[in-house]
Protein backbone atom coordinates (compact mmCIF):
# COMPACT_ATOMS: atom_id res chain seq x y z
CA UNK A 1 -17.56 68.84 130.42
CA UNK A 2 -15.11 69.87 133.06
CA UNK A 3 -12.13 72.03 132.20
CA UNK A 4 -8.82 70.78 133.53
CA UNK A 5 -6.25 73.20 134.74
CA UNK A 6 -2.75 71.84 134.55
CA UNK A 7 0.52 73.41 135.54
CA UNK A 8 3.50 72.94 133.35
CA UNK A 9 6.52 71.49 135.04
CA UNK A 10 9.74 73.51 135.10
CA UNK A 11 11.17 71.26 132.41
CA UNK A 12 8.37 72.23 130.02
CA UNK A 13 9.00 75.97 130.33
CA UNK A 14 11.13 77.73 127.79
CA UNK A 15 12.81 81.10 127.95
CA UNK A 16 11.39 83.48 125.34
CA UNK A 17 11.54 87.16 124.47
CA UNK A 18 13.19 89.47 126.96
CA UNK A 19 13.77 86.55 129.30
CA UNK A 20 16.02 84.99 126.66
CA UNK A 21 17.87 88.26 126.17
CA UNK A 22 18.39 88.67 129.92
CA UNK A 23 19.47 85.05 130.37
CA UNK A 24 21.88 85.32 127.43
CA UNK A 25 23.35 88.55 128.81
CA UNK A 26 23.92 87.04 132.22
CA UNK A 27 25.52 83.97 130.67
CA UNK A 28 27.87 86.09 128.54
CA UNK A 29 28.82 88.24 131.55
CA UNK A 30 29.68 85.15 133.59
CA UNK A 31 31.73 83.71 130.72
CA UNK A 32 33.63 86.99 130.36
CA UNK A 33 34.52 86.92 134.05
CA UNK A 34 35.59 83.29 133.95
CA UNK A 35 37.67 83.86 130.81
CA UNK A 36 39.92 86.60 132.22
CA UNK A 37 43.30 86.36 130.55
CA UNK A 38 45.85 84.40 132.53
CA UNK A 39 48.15 84.25 129.56
CA UNK A 40 46.67 86.65 127.08
CA UNK A 41 47.67 87.02 123.48
CA UNK A 42 49.01 89.96 121.56
CA UNK A 43 48.11 91.07 118.09
CA UNK A 44 51.02 88.94 116.92
CA UNK A 45 49.76 85.89 118.84
CA UNK A 46 52.52 85.69 121.48
CA UNK A 47 51.51 84.15 124.79
CA UNK A 48 52.81 85.06 128.23
CA UNK A 49 54.19 81.98 129.95
CA UNK A 50 55.60 83.53 133.13
CA UNK A 51 59.17 82.70 132.18
CA UNK A 52 60.50 86.06 133.41
CA UNK A 53 58.66 85.95 136.75
CA UNK A 54 56.99 89.26 135.85
CA UNK A 55 53.67 89.33 134.05
CA UNK A 56 51.97 92.58 133.07
CA UNK A 57 48.47 93.33 131.81
CA UNK A 58 47.89 95.98 129.14
CA UNK A 59 45.48 98.74 130.25
CA UNK A 60 45.42 100.82 127.04
CA UNK A 61 43.03 100.02 124.18
CA UNK A 62 46.12 99.57 122.00
CA UNK A 63 49.75 99.60 123.12
CA UNK A 64 52.67 99.75 120.68
CA UNK A 65 55.60 97.50 121.42
CA UNK A 66 58.88 98.95 120.15
CA UNK A 67 62.43 97.79 119.45
CA UNK A 68 63.85 100.20 122.05
CA UNK A 69 62.87 102.48 124.95
CA UNK A 70 61.81 105.45 122.81
CA UNK A 71 58.88 106.65 120.71
CA UNK A 72 61.37 106.89 117.85
CA UNK A 73 62.20 103.17 118.07
CA UNK A 74 60.69 100.94 115.40
CA UNK A 75 57.22 99.57 116.22
CA UNK A 76 57.17 95.76 116.36
CA UNK A 77 53.56 94.93 117.24
CA UNK A 78 50.45 96.30 118.92
CA UNK A 79 49.00 94.76 122.08
CA UNK A 80 45.32 95.09 122.93
CA UNK A 81 43.72 95.87 126.29
CA UNK A 82 43.69 92.89 128.65
CA UNK A 83 46.65 91.16 127.00
CA UNK A 84 49.12 89.67 129.47
CA UNK A 85 52.81 89.81 128.57
CA UNK A 86 56.04 88.67 130.18
CA UNK A 87 58.19 91.61 131.26
CA UNK A 88 61.22 92.53 133.31
CA UNK A 89 61.86 94.96 136.15
CA UNK A 90 63.91 97.21 133.86
CA UNK A 91 62.29 100.60 133.13
CA UNK A 92 64.11 103.20 131.00
CA UNK A 93 62.71 106.62 130.12
CA UNK A 94 59.16 105.46 130.91
CA UNK A 95 59.44 102.26 128.85
CA UNK A 96 59.45 98.77 130.37
CA UNK A 97 61.55 96.04 128.82
CA UNK A 98 59.48 93.03 127.81
CA UNK A 99 60.60 89.50 127.04
CA UNK A 100 62.38 89.23 123.70
CA UNK A 101 64.13 92.63 123.90
CA UNK A 102 60.89 94.52 123.24
CA UNK A 103 59.76 97.73 124.95
CA UNK A 104 56.37 99.29 125.80
CA UNK A 105 55.19 102.38 127.68
CA UNK A 106 55.23 101.42 131.36
CA UNK A 107 52.24 103.63 132.26
CA UNK A 108 49.94 101.24 130.36
CA UNK A 109 51.24 98.04 131.99
CA UNK A 110 49.96 96.80 135.35
CA UNK A 111 51.76 93.95 137.18
CA UNK A 112 49.68 90.81 137.69
CA UNK A 113 49.23 89.97 141.38
CA UNK A 114 51.68 87.34 142.58
CA UNK A 115 54.37 88.15 140.03
CA UNK A 116 57.67 89.93 140.72
CA UNK A 117 57.75 93.14 138.73
């Protein structure tokens, strides 16, 4: 009786063990890069639509949005890192005016390329 040696085709192979972990990690990394926020959301669910011509991305883990340009002003919401918001060119005492008469610390807001901030 002769033993047959057969090679599995690529379609018959499956990814198992560490190969699955590595493949899954690569897939998630690619999805994270593709899903960069172009109109991110805040904790309150607002979306930047570019209506002001100035879009800014939040660089802090959490950034408080206030009713005025001061740490004493009432907090309105908290934005998370990576969120994109519509802003203005107005900066007062280190706070940038955002759309809707809201203010946030300018040092944690980076203009999105191609916008006028």
